[in-house]
Protein backbone atom coordinates (compact mmCIF):
# COMPACT_ATOMS: atom_id res chain seq x y z
CA GLY A 1 0.00 0.00 0.00
CA ILE A 2 2.98 2.40 -0.13
CA THR A 3 3.42 4.51 -3.26
CA ARG A 4 7.01 4.69 -4.49
CA PHE A 5 8.60 6.41 -7.46
CA VAL A 6 10.53 4.36 -10.01
CA VAL A 7 12.98 6.35 -12.13
CA THR A 8 14.27 4.92 -15.41
CA GLY A 9 16.61 6.26 -18.05
CA ARG A 10 19.81 5.73 -19.98
CA VAL A 11 23.39 6.98 -19.54
CA VAL A 12 25.13 7.56 -22.88
CA ASN A 13 28.85 8.02 -23.51
CA ARG A 14 28.98 10.53 -26.34
CA SER A 15 32.77 10.74 -26.30
CA GLU A 16 35.25 8.82 -28.44
CA GLN A 17 36.92 7.21 -25.43
CA ILE A 18 36.01 4.69 -22.77
CA TYR A 19 34.49 6.52 -19.80
CA GLY A 20 33.84 5.65 -16.16
CA VAL A 21 30.18 5.95 -15.24
CA PRO A 22 29.67 8.24 -12.24
CA ARG A 23 27.04 7.65 -9.60
CA LEU A 24 23.65 9.15 -10.40
CA ILE A 25 21.61 11.39 -8.13
CA VAL A 26 17.82 11.39 -8.19
CA VAL A 27 16.61 14.81 -7.02
CA SER A 28 12.99 15.33 -5.98
CA TYR A 29 11.51 18.86 -5.98
CA ASP A 30 8.34 20.35 -4.54
CA ALA A 31 5.99 22.76 -6.38
CA ASN A 32 8.22 25.73 -5.46
CA GLY A 33 11.36 24.13 -6.87
CA LYS A 34 12.78 23.34 -3.42
CA VAL A 35 14.79 20.11 -3.12
CA ILE A 36 12.91 17.58 -1.00
CA GLU A 37 15.26 14.62 -1.29
CA ARG A 38 18.48 13.47 -2.99
CA GLN A 39 19.28 9.80 -3.46
CA ARG A 40 22.50 8.52 -4.97
CA PHE A 41 22.86 5.21 -6.78
CA MET A 42 25.23 3.48 -9.17
CA PRO A 43 24.06 2.21 -12.58
CA SER A 44 24.80 -1.44 -13.40
CA ALA A 45 27.81 -0.60 -15.63
CA THR A 46 30.94 1.10 -14.28
CA LEU A 47 32.59 1.70 -17.67
CA LEU A 48 31.10 2.65 -21.04
CA ASP A 49 32.84 2.20 -24.36
CA ALA A 50 32.89 5.11 -26.80
CA GLY A 51 29.31 5.60 -27.98
CA GLY A 52 28.05 3.03 -25.48
CA ASN A 53 25.06 3.30 -23.18
CA VAL A 54 23.49 1.63 -20.17
CA LYS A 55 19.89 1.67 -18.98
CA PHE A 56 19.10 2.30 -15.34
CA LYS A 57 16.10 1.76 -13.09
CA HIS A 58 15.98 3.02 -9.51
CA THR A 59 13.17 2.82 -6.98
CA LEU A 60 13.33 5.65 -4.47
CA SER A 61 14.07 4.10 -1.09
CA VAL A 62 11.51 6.11 0.87
CA PRO A 63 7.99 7.20 -0.08
CA ILE A 64 8.00 10.93 -0.78
CA THR A 65 4.97 13.21 -0.64
CA ASN A 66 4.51 16.57 -2.37
CA VAL A 67 6.90 15.71 -5.22
CA GLU A 68 6.19 17.79 -8.34
CA LYS A 69 9.38 17.16 -10.34
CA ILE A 70 12.14 14.54 -10.41
CA ALA A 71 15.51 15.02 -12.12
CA VAL A 72 18.54 12.77 -12.50
CA GLU A 73 22.02 14.27 -12.30
CA LEU A 74 25.54 12.90 -12.74
CA GLU A 75 27.53 13.08 -9.53
CA ASN A 76 30.57 15.35 -9.79
CA GLN A 77 33.50 12.92 -9.70
CA GLY A 78 35.73 15.60 -8.18
CA ALA A 79 33.44 15.99 -5.16
């Protein structure tokens, strides 16, 4: 009986070199654009060949109310 969000997408390596896949961050926003929650996760592939891609599917670990927008970001590898 708990509603959860499932986020799906694809990470694409548009470069001409093999590239390490960073962790992804699912960011949930309220109606005013305020961040409600950030959840980090790692896609199934850690490296992508040039032009390669990997699909991802992530279920948010906690039910979240008042979510109006969800975005997925690449984690800054220098952070």
